C-alpha atoms as a PDB file:
ATOM      1  CA  MET A   1       1.265  32.696   6.269  1.00  0.00           C
ATOM      2  CA  GLN A   2       2.237  29.796   8.509  1.00  0.00           C
ATOM      3  CA  ARG A   3       1.679  26.348   6.916  1.00  0.00           C
ATOM      4  CA  SER A   4       0.201  23.254   8.576  1.00  0.00           C
ATOM      5  CA  TYR A   5       2.026  19.990   7.859  1.00  0.00           C
ATOM      6  CA  PHE A   6       1.100  16.360   8.525  1.00  0.00           C
ATOM      7  CA  PHE A   7       4.116  14.030   8.443  1.00  0.00           C
ATOM      8  CA  CYS A   8       3.126  10.396   8.016  1.00  0.00           C
ATOM      9  CA  TYR A   9       4.469   6.991   6.991  1.00  0.00           C
ATOM     10  CA  HIS A  10       3.018   4.080   5.033  1.00  0.00           C
ATOM     11  CA  LYS A  11       0.381   2.503   7.303  1.00  0.00           C
ATOM     12  CA  VAL A  12       0.865   5.316   9.803  1.00  0.00           C
ATOM     13  CA  GLY A  13      -1.945   7.759   9.188  1.00  0.00           C
ATOM     14  CA  THR A  14      -1.407   8.712   5.549  1.00  0.00           C
ATOM     15  CA  ALA A  15      -4.998   8.228   4.392  1.00  0.00           C
ATOM     16  CA  LEU A  16      -6.387   9.535   7.698  1.00  0.00           C
ATOM     17  CA  CYS A  17      -4.358  12.750   7.646  1.00  0.00           C
ATOM     18  CA  ALA A  18      -4.878  13.358   3.929  1.00  0.00           C
ATOM     19  CA  ASN A  19      -8.644  13.102   4.411  1.00  0.00           C
ATOM     20  CA  ILE A  20      -8.594  15.348   7.478  1.00  0.00           C
ATOM     21  CA  ALA A  21      -6.441  17.875   5.612  1.00  0.00           C
ATOM     22  CA  ARG A  22      -8.967  17.982   2.769  1.00  0.00           C
ATOM     23  CA  GLN A  23     -11.829  18.452   5.218  1.00  0.00           C
ATOM     24  CA  ILE A  24     -10.016  21.259   7.025  1.00  0.00           C
ATOM     25  CA  ALA A  25      -9.028  22.891   3.739  1.00  0.00           C
ATOM     26  CA  THR A  26     -12.644  22.908   2.612  1.00  0.00           C
ATOM     27  CA  ARG A  27     -13.791  24.333   5.942  1.00  0.00           C
ATOM     28  CA  PHE A  28     -11.294  27.226   5.907  1.00  0.00           C
ATOM     29  CA  ASP A  29     -11.059  27.729   2.146  1.00  0.00           C
ATOM     30  CA  TRP A  30      -7.460  26.547   2.116  1.00  0.00           C
ATOM     31  CA  GLN A  31      -5.524  24.618  -0.519  1.00  0.00           C
ATOM     32  CA  ALA A  32      -4.390  21.117   0.467  1.00  0.00           C
ATOM     33  CA  ASP A  33      -1.605  19.022  -1.001  1.00  0.00           C
ATOM     34  CA  TYR A  34      -0.538  15.368  -0.716  1.00  0.00           C
ATOM     35  CA  LEU A  35       3.113  14.569  -1.393  1.00  0.00           C
ATOM     36  CA  LEU A  36       4.625  11.133  -2.051  1.00  0.00           C
ATOM     37  CA  GLY A  37       8.197   9.950  -1.656  1.00  0.00           C
ATOM     38  CA  LEU A  38      11.272  12.103  -1.094  1.00  0.00           C
ATOM     39  CA  ILE A  39      10.278  15.780  -1.143  1.00  0.00           C
ATOM     40  CA  LYS A  40      12.766  18.462  -2.180  1.00  0.00           C
ATOM     41  CA  GLY A  41      10.443  21.452  -1.848  1.00  0.00           C
ATOM     42  CA  VAL A  42       6.849  22.494  -1.305  1.00  0.00           C
ATOM     43  CA  ASP A  43       4.335  24.684  -3.093  1.00  0.00           C
ATOM     44  CA  SER A  44       4.007  27.797  -0.934  1.00  0.00           C
ATOM     45  CA  SER A  45       0.425  28.308  -2.122  1.00  0.00           C
ATOM     46  CA  LYS A  46      -0.744  25.193  -0.222  1.00  0.00           C
ATOM     47  CA  GLN A  47      -1.767  25.946   3.347  1.00  0.00           C
ATOM     48  CA  ILE A  48      -2.012  22.333   4.568  1.00  0.00           C
ATOM     49  CA  VAL A  49       0.178  19.510   3.311  1.00  0.00           C
ATOM     50  CA  THR A  50       0.343  15.770   4.019  1.00  0.00           C
ATOM     51  CA  PHE A  51       3.780  14.209   3.539  1.00  0.00           C
ATOM     52  CA  ALA A  52       2.957  10.550   2.923  1.00  0.00           C
ATOM     53  CA  HIS A  53       6.386   9.179   3.809  1.00  0.00           C
ATOM     54  CA  SER A  54       8.058  11.930   5.909  1.00  0.00           C
ATOM     55  CA  LEU A  55      11.059  11.925   3.584  1.00  0.00           C
ATOM     56  CA  ILE A  56      12.257  15.529   3.640  1.00  0.00           C
ATOM     57  CA  ASP A  57      15.166  16.784   1.537  1.00  0.00           C
ATOM     58  CA  PHE A  58      14.899  20.518   2.181  1.00  0.00           C
ATOM     59  CA  ASP A  59      15.361  22.808   5.153  1.00  0.00           C
ATOM     60  CA  LEU A  60      12.055  22.914   7.025  1.00  0.00           C
ATOM     61  CA  SER A  61      13.253  25.908   9.042  1.00  0.00           C
ATOM     62  CA  THR A  62      13.070  28.105   5.931  1.00  0.00           C
ATOM     63  CA  ILE A  63       9.265  27.769   5.800  1.00  0.00           C
ATOM     64  CA  PRO A  64       7.052  29.083   8.631  1.00  0.00           C
ATOM     65  CA  HIS A  65       5.030  26.027   9.649  1.00  0.00           C
ATOM     66  CA  ARG A  66       3.552  23.969  12.447  1.00  0.00           C
ATOM     67  CA  GLY A  67       3.841  20.237  11.957  1.00  0.00           C
ATOM     68  CA  VAL A  68       2.479  17.018  13.381  1.00  0.00           C
ATOM     69  CA  ARG A  69       4.299  13.723  12.853  1.00  0.00           C
ATOM     70  CA  LEU A  70       2.137  10.623  13.186  1.00  0.00           C
ATOM     71  CA  ILE A  71       3.902   7.651  14.758  1.00  0.00           C
ATOM     72  CA  ARG A  72       2.765   4.093  15.472  1.00  0.00           C
ATOM     73  CA  ASP A  73       4.015   1.048  17.331  1.00  0.00           C
ATOM     74  CA  PRO A  74       6.550  -0.516  14.917  1.00  0.00           C
ATOM     75  CA  ARG A  75       5.134  -3.979  15.566  1.00  0.00           C
ATOM     76  CA  ASP A  76       1.762  -2.803  14.281  1.00  0.00           C
ATOM     77  CA  VAL A  77       3.385  -1.039  11.327  1.00  0.00           C
ATOM     78  CA  TRP A  78       4.850  -4.417  10.374  1.00  0.00           C
ATOM     79  CA  LEU A  79       1.652  -6.409  10.913  1.00  0.00           C
ATOM     80  CA  SER A  80      -0.625  -3.798   9.338  1.00  0.00           C
ATOM     81  CA  GLY A  81       1.555  -3.641   6.237  1.00  0.00           C
ATOM     82  CA  TYR A  82       1.545  -7.425   5.944  1.00  0.00           C
ATOM     83  CA  LEU A  83      -2.265  -7.577   6.151  1.00  0.00           C
ATOM     84  CA  TYR A  84      -2.846  -4.580   3.879  1.00  0.00           C
ATOM     85  CA  HIS A  85      -0.460  -5.633   1.131  1.00  0.00           C
ATOM     86  CA  GLN A  86      -2.238  -8.942   0.672  1.00  0.00           C
ATOM     87  CA  ASP A  87      -5.309  -7.348  -0.884  1.00  0.00           C
ATOM     88  CA  CYS A  88      -4.598  -3.654  -1.555  1.00  0.00           C
ATOM     89  CA  ARG A  89      -4.777  -2.316  -5.109  1.00  0.00           C
ATOM     90  CA  GLU A  90      -1.801   0.030  -4.953  1.00  0.00           C
ATOM     91  CA  ARG A  91      -0.087  -0.203  -8.329  1.00  0.00           C
ATOM     92  CA  TRP A  92       3.418  -0.838  -6.995  1.00  0.00           C
ATOM     93  CA  CYS A  93       2.114  -3.723  -4.872  1.00  0.00           C
ATOM     94  CA  ILE A  94       0.351  -5.548  -7.717  1.00  0.00           C
ATOM     95  CA  ASN A  95       2.829  -4.569 -10.419  1.00  0.00           C
ATOM     96  CA  GLU A  96       4.230  -7.497 -12.398  1.00  0.00           C
ATOM     97  CA  THR A  97       6.308  -5.493 -14.879  1.00  0.00           C
ATOM     98  CA  LEU A  98       9.668  -6.345 -13.391  1.00  0.00           C
ATOM     99  CA  ASP A  99      12.079  -5.439 -16.187  1.00  0.00           C
ATOM    100  CA  LEU A 100      15.324  -3.815 -15.122  1.00  0.00           C
ATOM    101  CA  THR A 101      15.467  -1.116 -17.797  1.00  0.00           C
ATOM    102  CA  PRO A 102      16.476   2.214 -16.246  1.00  0.00           C
ATOM    103  CA  PRO A 103      15.181   4.503 -15.023  1.00  0.00           C
ATOM    104  CA  ILE A 104      13.233   2.276 -12.654  1.00  0.00           C
ATOM    105  CA  LEU A 105      10.263   4.341 -11.503  1.00  0.00           C
ATOM    106  CA  PRO A 106       6.850   3.718  -9.914  1.00  0.00           C
ATOM    107  CA  PRO A 107       4.968   1.440 -10.205  1.00  0.00           C
ATOM    108  CA  ARG A 108       7.961  -0.888 -10.532  1.00  0.00           C
ATOM    109  CA  VAL A 109       9.031   0.432  -7.140  1.00  0.00           C
ATOM    110  CA  PRO A 110       6.941   2.220  -4.482  1.00  0.00           C
ATOM    111  CA  TYR A 111       6.986   6.027  -4.468  1.00  0.00           C
ATOM    112  CA  SER A 112       8.648   5.864  -1.055  1.00  0.00           C
ATOM    113  CA  GLN A 113      11.659   4.139  -2.637  1.00  0.00           C
ATOM    114  CA  GLN A 114      11.943   5.895  -5.987  1.00  0.00           C
ATOM    115  CA  HIS A 115      14.849   8.014  -4.708  1.00  0.00           C
ATOM    116  CA  ARG A 116      17.001   4.916  -4.207  1.00  0.00           C
ATOM    117  CA  SER A 117      19.885   4.067  -6.516  1.00  0.00           C
ATOM    118  CA  GLU A 118      19.257   2.091  -9.703  1.00  0.00           C
ATOM    119  CA  GLU A 119      21.398  -0.677  -8.218  1.00  0.00           C
ATOM    120  CA  TRP A 120      19.144  -0.855  -5.149  1.00  0.00           C
ATOM    121  CA  LYS A 121      16.015  -0.894  -7.309  1.00  0.00           C
ATOM    122  CA  ARG A 122      17.366  -3.656  -9.542  1.00  0.00           C
ATOM    123  CA  ALA A 123      18.119  -5.753  -6.466  1.00  0.00           C
ATOM    124  CA  TYR A 124      14.588  -5.126  -5.165  1.00  0.00           C
ATOM    125  CA  LEU A 125      13.006  -6.262  -8.430  1.00  0.00           C
ATOM    126  CA  LEU A 126      15.206  -9.345  -8.652  1.00  0.00           C
ATOM    127  CA  GLY A 127      14.269 -10.195  -5.070  1.00  0.00           C
ATOM    128  CA  LEU A 128      10.613 -10.438  -6.077  1.00  0.00           C
ATOM    129  CA  ASN A 129      11.480 -13.569  -8.080  1.00  0.00           C
ATOM    130  CA  GLY A 130       9.148 -12.810 -10.955  1.00  0.00           C
ATOM    131  CA  LEU A 131       6.085 -12.127  -8.804  1.00  0.00           C
ATOM    132  CA  SER A 132       4.410  -8.946  -7.647  1.00  0.00           C
ATOM    133  CA  TYR A 133       4.955  -7.909  -4.036  1.00  0.00           C
ATOM    134  CA  GLN A 134       1.381  -8.978  -3.308  1.00  0.00           C
ATOM    135  CA  ARG A 135       1.669 -12.372  -4.978  1.00  0.00           C
ATOM    136  CA  ASN A 136       4.838 -12.997  -3.005  1.00  0.00           C
ATOM    137  CA  LEU A 137       2.885 -12.516   0.212  1.00  0.00           C
ATOM    138  CA  LEU A 138      -0.062 -14.613  -0.936  1.00  0.00           C
ATOM    139  CA  SER A 139       2.203 -17.481  -1.941  1.00  0.00           C
ATOM    140  CA  LYS A 140       3.733 -17.757   1.543  1.00  0.00           C
ATOM    141  CA  ASP A 141       2.567 -19.006   4.916  1.00  0.00           C
ATOM    142  CA  ARG A 142       2.178 -16.529   7.793  1.00  0.00           C
ATOM    143  CA  ASP A 143       5.747 -16.870   9.084  1.00  0.00           C
ATOM    144  CA  SER A 144       7.348 -16.542   5.641  1.00  0.00           C
ATOM    145  CA  GLY A 145       5.017 -13.728   4.616  1.00  0.00           C
ATOM    146  CA  LEU A 146       5.782 -11.717   7.741  1.00  0.00           C
ATOM    147  CA  ALA A 147       9.504 -12.273   7.172  1.00  0.00           C
ATOM    148  CA  PHE A 148       9.136 -11.026   3.580  1.00  0.00           C
ATOM    149  CA  GLU A 149       7.297  -7.922   4.821  1.00  0.00           C
ATOM    150  CA  MET A 150       9.821  -7.309   7.607  1.00  0.00           C
ATOM    151  CA  ASP A 151      12.724  -7.403   5.165  1.00  0.00           C
ATOM    152  CA  ARG A 152      11.039  -4.896   2.862  1.00  0.00           C
ATOM    153  CA  TYR A 153       8.330  -2.349   3.639  1.00  0.00           C
ATOM    154  CA  ALA A 154       8.513  -2.653   7.406  1.00  0.00           C
ATOM    155  CA  ASP A 155      12.277  -2.144   7.259  1.00  0.00           C
ATOM    156  CA  TRP A 156      11.947   0.834   4.915  1.00  0.00           C
ATOM    157  CA  THR A 157       9.483   2.459   7.299  1.00  0.00           C
ATOM    158  CA  MET A 158      11.671   1.788  10.336  1.00  0.00           C
ATOM    159  CA  GLN A 159      14.593   3.400   8.509  1.00  0.00           C
ATOM    160  CA  ALA A 160      12.495   6.460   7.673  1.00  0.00           C
ATOM    161  CA  MET A 161      11.199   6.787  11.240  1.00  0.00           C
ATOM    162  CA  LEU A 162      14.698   6.602  12.696  1.00  0.00           C
ATOM    163  CA  ALA A 163      16.079   9.043  10.111  1.00  0.00           C
ATOM    164  CA  TRP A 164      13.588  11.755  11.071  1.00  0.00           C
ATOM    165  CA  LYS A 165      15.374  14.936  12.124  1.00  0.00           C
ATOM    166  CA  PRO A 166      13.714  16.623  15.114  1.00  0.00           C
ATOM    167  CA  ASP A 167      11.936  19.816  14.111  1.00  0.00           C
ATOM    168  CA  PRO A 168      11.171  22.382  16.842  1.00  0.00           C
ATOM    169  CA  ASP A 169       7.906  23.290  15.123  1.00  0.00           C
ATOM    170  CA  THR A 170       6.674  19.686  14.842  1.00  0.00           C
ATOM    171  CA  ILE A 171       5.167  17.505  17.565  1.00  0.00           C
ATOM    172  CA  ASP A 172       4.782  13.726  17.571  1.00  0.00           C
ATOM    173  CA  VAL A 173       1.302  12.250  17.937  1.00  0.00           C
ATOM    174  CA  LYS A 174       0.707   8.551  18.401  1.00  0.00           C
ATOM    175  CA  ILE A 175      -1.943   7.168  16.078  1.00  0.00           C
ATOM    176  CA  GLU A 176      -3.084   4.952  18.958  1.00  0.00           C
ATOM    177  CA  ASP A 177      -4.015   8.115  20.906  1.00  0.00           C
ATOM    178  CA  PHE A 178      -5.763   9.490  17.832  1.00  0.00           C
ATOM    179  CA  MET A 179      -7.960   6.399  17.554  1.00  0.00           C
ATOM    180  CA  ALA A 180      -8.679   6.265  21.306  1.00  0.00           C
ATOM    181  CA  ASP A 181      -9.756   9.924  21.492  1.00  0.00           C
ATOM    182  CA  PHE A 182     -10.347  11.269  18.004  1.00  0.00           C
ATOM    183  CA  ASP A 183     -11.852  14.632  18.952  1.00  0.00           C
ATOM    184  CA  GLY A 184      -9.461  15.309  21.830  1.00  0.00           C
ATOM    185  CA  THR A 185      -6.354  14.463  19.806  1.00  0.00           C
ATOM    186  CA  LEU A 186      -7.509  16.353  16.735  1.00  0.00           C
ATOM    187  CA  ALA A 187      -8.308  19.385  18.882  1.00  0.00           C
ATOM    188  CA  LEU A 188      -4.741  19.240  20.226  1.00  0.00           C
ATOM    189  CA  ILE A 189      -3.439  19.100  16.648  1.00  0.00           C
ATOM    190  CA  LEU A 190      -5.631  21.989  15.525  1.00  0.00           C
ATOM    191  CA  ARG A 191      -4.446  24.139  18.408  1.00  0.00           C
ATOM    192  CA  HIS A 192      -0.859  23.312  17.511  1.00  0.00           C
ATOM    193  CA  PHE A 193      -1.614  24.362  13.932  1.00  0.00           C
ATOM    194  CA  GLY A 194      -2.733  27.715  15.334  1.00  0.00           C
ATOM    195  CA  ILE A 195      -6.418  27.381  14.502  1.00  0.00           C
ATOM    196  CA  ARG A 196      -8.529  29.675  16.658  1.00  0.00           C
ATOM    197  CA  GLU A 197     -10.429  28.117  19.538  1.00  0.00           C
ATOM    198  CA  PHE A 198     -13.630  29.558  18.076  1.00  0.00           C
ATOM    199  CA  ASP A 199     -13.094  27.569  14.852  1.00  0.00           C
ATOM    200  CA  ILE A 200     -12.123  24.238  16.379  1.00  0.00           C
ATOM    201  CA  PRO A 201     -15.680  22.835  16.871  1.00  0.00           C
ATOM    202  CA  ALA A 202     -16.472  23.402  13.187  1.00  0.00           C
ATOM    203  CA  ALA A 203     -13.190  21.771  12.146  1.00  0.00           C
ATOM    204  CA  LEU A 204     -13.903  18.771  14.377  1.00  0.00           C
ATOM    205  CA  ALA A 205     -17.362  18.426  12.878  1.00  0.00           C
ATOM    206  CA  ALA A 206     -15.928  18.586   9.360  1.00  0.00           C
ATOM    207  CA  ALA A 207     -13.443  15.793  10.128  1.00  0.00           C
ATOM    208  CA  ALA A 208     -15.813  13.573  12.159  1.00  0.00           C
ATOM    209  CA  SER A 209     -16.370  11.251   9.188  1.00  0.00           C
ATOM    210  CA  GLU A 210     -12.759  10.040   9.557  1.00  0.00           C
ATOM    211  CA  ASP A 211     -13.300   8.755  13.114  1.00  0.00           C
ATOM    212  CA  ILE A 212     -13.370   4.936  13.110  1.00  0.00           C
ATOM    213  CA  ALA A 213     -15.538   4.947  16.236  1.00  0.00           C
ATOM    214  CA  ARG A 214     -18.239   6.806  14.297  1.00  0.00           C
ATOM    215  CA  MET A 215     -18.078   4.546  11.231  1.00  0.00           C
ATOM    216  CA  SER A 216     -20.579   1.779  10.604  1.00  0.00           C
ATOM    217  CA  ASP A 217     -19.412  -1.795  10.080  1.00  0.00           C
ATOM    218  CA  ALA A 218     -20.263  -1.411   6.385  1.00  0.00           C
ATOM    219  CA  GLN A 219     -18.122   1.725   6.093  1.00  0.00           C
ATOM    220  CA  ILE A 220     -15.179  -0.009   7.717  1.00  0.00           C
ATOM    221  CA  ALA A 221     -15.550  -3.067   5.493  1.00  0.00           C
ATOM    222  CA  ALA A 222     -15.569  -0.834   2.407  1.00  0.00           C
ATOM    223  CA  ASN A 223     -12.435   1.083   3.422  1.00  0.00           C
ATOM    224  CA  PRO A 224      -9.283  -0.609   2.066  1.00  0.00           C
ATOM    225  CA  ASN A 225      -7.093   1.246   4.559  1.00  0.00           C
ATOM    226  CA  ILE A 226      -8.865  -0.163   7.629  1.00  0.00           C
ATOM    227  CA  HIS A 227      -8.488  -3.816   8.596  1.00  0.00           C
ATOM    228  CA  SER A 228     -10.559  -3.640  11.795  1.00  0.00           C
ATOM    229  CA  ARG A 229     -11.694  -1.233  14.497  1.00  0.00           C
ATOM    230  CA  SER A 230      -8.652  -2.169  16.569  1.00  0.00           C
ATOM    231  CA  ILE A 231      -5.615  -0.044  15.718  1.00  0.00           C
ATOM    232  CA  SER A 232      -3.252  -2.372  17.606  1.00  0.00           C
ATOM    233  CA  LYS A 233      -3.315  -6.068  16.821  1.00  0.00           C
ATOM    234  CA  TRP A 234       0.244  -7.306  17.276  1.00  0.00           C
ATOM    235  CA  ARG A 235      -0.314  -8.710  20.770  1.00  0.00           C
ATOM    236  CA  THR A 236      -3.102 -11.013  19.579  1.00  0.00           C
ATOM    237  CA  MET A 237      -2.023 -11.801  16.015  1.00  0.00           C
ATOM    238  CA  LEU A 238       1.742 -12.314  16.331  1.00  0.00           C
ATOM    239  CA  THR A 239       3.365 -15.312  17.970  1.00  0.00           C
ATOM    240  CA  LEU A 240       5.941 -14.883  20.716  1.00  0.00           C
ATOM    241  CA  ARG A 241       8.661 -16.067  18.321  1.00  0.00           C
ATOM    242  CA  GLN A 242       7.618 -13.554  15.656  1.00  0.00           C
ATOM    243  CA  ILE A 243       7.613 -10.726  18.215  1.00  0.00           C
ATOM    244  CA  GLU A 244      11.046 -11.700  19.501  1.00  0.00           C
ATOM    245  CA  GLN A 245      12.481 -11.809  15.975  1.00  0.00           C
ATOM    246  CA  PHE A 246      11.139  -8.353  15.183  1.00  0.00           C
ATOM    247  CA  GLU A 247      12.192  -6.812  18.480  1.00  0.00           C
ATOM    248  CA  ALA A 248      15.713  -8.194  18.101  1.00  0.00           C
ATOM    249  CA  LEU A 249      16.071  -6.100  14.936  1.00  0.00           C
ATOM    250  CA  TYR A 250      13.952  -3.059  15.738  1.00  0.00           C
ATOM    251  CA  GLY A 251      14.117  -2.677  19.491  1.00  0.00           C
ATOM    252  CA  GLU A 252      15.772   0.731  19.043  1.00  0.00           C
ATOM    253  CA  ALA A 253      12.887   1.994  16.928  1.00  0.00           C
ATOM    254  CA  ILE A 254      10.340   0.713  19.455  1.00  0.00           C
ATOM    255  CA  ALA A 255      12.127   2.481  22.320  1.00  0.00           C
ATOM    256  CA  ARG A 256      12.879   5.733  20.502  1.00  0.00           C
ATOM    257  CA  LEU A 257       9.265   6.094  19.430  1.00  0.00           C
ATOM    258  CA  GLY A 258       8.097   5.670  23.030  1.00  0.00           C
ATOM    259  CA  TYR A 259       6.613   2.188  22.968  1.00  0.00           C
ATOM    260  CA  ALA A 260       7.174  -0.477  25.608  1.00  0.00           C
ATOM    261  CA  ARG A 261       8.420  -4.002  25.141  1.00  0.00           C
ATOM    262  CA  PRO A 262       6.614  -6.820  27.012  1.00  0.00           C
END
């Protein structure tokens, strides 16, 4: 049987796609899976899988599948990570056990970086200067905090996005389009997954709870993965100098992902 795969990145649809995958799996009596970090193989019994970090270390062509890779404006990836990491409860982000004893594994490092060398991980821990990732951000002003984020998680995500190897069975979908037209974009995804037209309305209804436009203010406030109803905030929340600094380093990623520069 052909598998359906969501490929995501940190702050680029991971929670959204994982929730949709669970809803679809329930609707069609499928098995769903959620995979963190560098993946060397998949469980063939799972019909729909969310790859949280799109780090693939196996030959996708050996598994019949249809995939969707979620992408997002890199400037919003940077800003969203900065805002999220200030109050999230992810263990790696609040971890203050910074000893260098190998092997260095989560939560001392994020799952997305656990495949790195021990030397890299030691340097990462030393760079935290005795504080958790989150406390580092909270101890800095906006400029310094954004610089800290840009040098770390934003950079890791840019590297992962640029390292993606094109897959003929996978299409790119911008998360901005998803948020602007939830039903229309999800219907496109479902058709790509090969779900019958007859079944699409029921699948859309099952996943409707994940649409920000349908959520109440209280639901949004209670969701740690959502900062506001606006999916794109970099134009209003970043200064011109901050934007220029980021674009000087990641202009290639912005262009390759299909986003415009001012």
